[in-house]
Structures are given as C-alpha cells and as structure tokens.
Amino acid sequence: MKTYTETTLSDFQAWSGGKDTQEIILEHGKEKDFDYLMEELYPDGLSETQLNDILWFESDWLFENLGINLDEEE
C-alpha cells in the first residue's frame, strides 16, 4: 500500500484506536489482505492520518472485509 511514502501495515506506526485495530489484523495474519484492500481503494495513496483514521474508525468494516470475526473468539 502507498502512503506518501510506501509502507505496509506491519511497518506503519499507528496511534490511538488505530493501533488496536492494527494489532488485531496482524494477529490474524491479514496484513497482506489489508495492504491489497488499501491499494485497491486508494490507488494514489493516502496520508498517514487517513490510514490511521481508517484503522480507528472503520474497524468493523475492515474486519468484515478481511474475514475477521471477533465474536467467534469470545
């Protein structure tokens, strides 16, 4: 995926609520799927703030698209 500099989810330094979502995606081994999804949706890249906001505020949508079901784990 591209930010203003090219990065991957595992290399991205998320903050606040974005960090929690990032950790869940990484724990489930879905970082490549996430990277592909972001490249598809944002072919011209996005800022670090935009990426963190997606992680923070769109976590339910991300988990659904990445096939992560947190309800099954409880």
Protein backbone atom coordinates (compact mmCIF):
# COMPACT_ATOMS: atom_id res chain seq x y z
CA MET A 1 0.00 0.00 0.00
CA LYS A 2 1.12 3.57 -0.54
CA THR A 3 1.11 6.45 1.86
CA TYR A 4 3.11 9.49 0.90
CA THR A 5 5.97 7.05 1.31
CA GLU A 6 5.35 3.39 0.55
CA THR A 7 4.71 1.25 3.63
CA THR A 8 2.98 -1.91 4.80
CA LEU A 9 0.58 -2.37 7.69
CA SER A 10 3.23 -4.15 9.75
CA ASP A 11 5.65 -1.22 9.29
CA PHE A 12 3.07 1.51 9.88
CA GLN A 13 3.26 3.28 13.25
CA ALA A 14 -0.45 3.51 14.14
CA TRP A 15 -1.63 5.50 17.16
CA SER A 16 -4.65 5.66 19.50
CA GLY A 17 -7.55 3.45 18.38
CA GLY A 18 -5.84 2.71 15.07
CA LYS A 19 -3.15 0.77 16.93
CA ASP A 20 -5.72 -1.64 18.43
CA THR A 21 -7.18 -2.44 15.00
CA GLN A 22 -3.70 -2.83 13.52
CA GLU A 23 -2.75 -5.34 16.22
CA ILE A 24 -5.89 -7.42 15.61
CA ILE A 25 -5.26 -7.51 11.84
CA LEU A 26 -1.64 -8.55 12.42
CA GLU A 27 -2.63 -11.20 15.00
CA HIS A 28 -4.95 -12.76 12.41
CA GLY A 29 -2.28 -12.73 9.70
CA LYS A 30 -4.35 -10.48 7.43
CA GLU A 31 -1.79 -7.73 6.83
CA LYS A 32 -1.28 -8.58 3.14
CA ASP A 33 -5.05 -8.65 2.59
CA PHE A 34 -5.29 -5.26 4.27
CA ASP A 35 -2.47 -3.85 2.13
CA TYR A 36 -4.17 -5.10 -1.06
CA LEU A 37 -7.51 -3.65 0.04
CA MET A 38 -5.99 -0.23 0.68
CA GLU A 39 -4.15 -0.30 -2.66
CA GLU A 40 -7.40 -1.15 -4.42
CA LEU A 41 -9.40 1.57 -2.67
CA TYR A 42 -6.66 4.23 -2.71
CA PRO A 43 -4.52 3.63 -5.82
CA ASP A 44 -2.96 7.10 -5.48
CA GLY A 45 -2.09 6.52 -1.83
CA LEU A 46 -3.30 8.20 1.33
CA SER A 47 -1.80 10.13 4.20
CA GLU A 48 -0.73 8.53 7.47
CA THR A 49 -3.61 10.33 9.21
CA GLN A 50 -6.10 8.96 6.69
CA LEU A 51 -4.73 5.45 7.15
CA ASN A 52 -4.87 5.70 10.93
CA ASP A 53 -8.42 7.07 10.76
CA ILE A 54 -9.49 4.09 8.65
CA LEU A 55 -7.95 1.73 11.18
CA TRP A 56 -9.52 3.60 14.10
CA PHE A 57 -12.99 4.47 12.85
CA GLU A 58 -13.68 1.79 10.24
CA SER A 59 -12.54 -1.27 12.20
CA ASP A 60 -15.87 -3.15 11.90
CA TRP A 61 -15.89 -2.65 8.14
CA LEU A 62 -12.24 -3.70 7.90
CA PHE A 63 -12.77 -6.84 9.97
CA GLU A 64 -15.75 -7.81 7.83
CA ASN A 65 -13.81 -7.30 4.59
CA LEU A 66 -10.79 -9.18 5.92
CA GLY A 67 -12.83 -12.10 7.24
CA ILE A 68 -12.01 -11.43 10.89
CA ASN A 69 -14.87 -12.42 13.20
CA LEU A 70 -14.16 -11.29 16.73
CA ASP A 71 -17.49 -12.67 18.00
CA GLU A 72 -16.26 -16.24 17.39
CA GLU A 73 -13.28 -15.64 19.67
CA GLU A 74 -15.27 -14.68 22.77
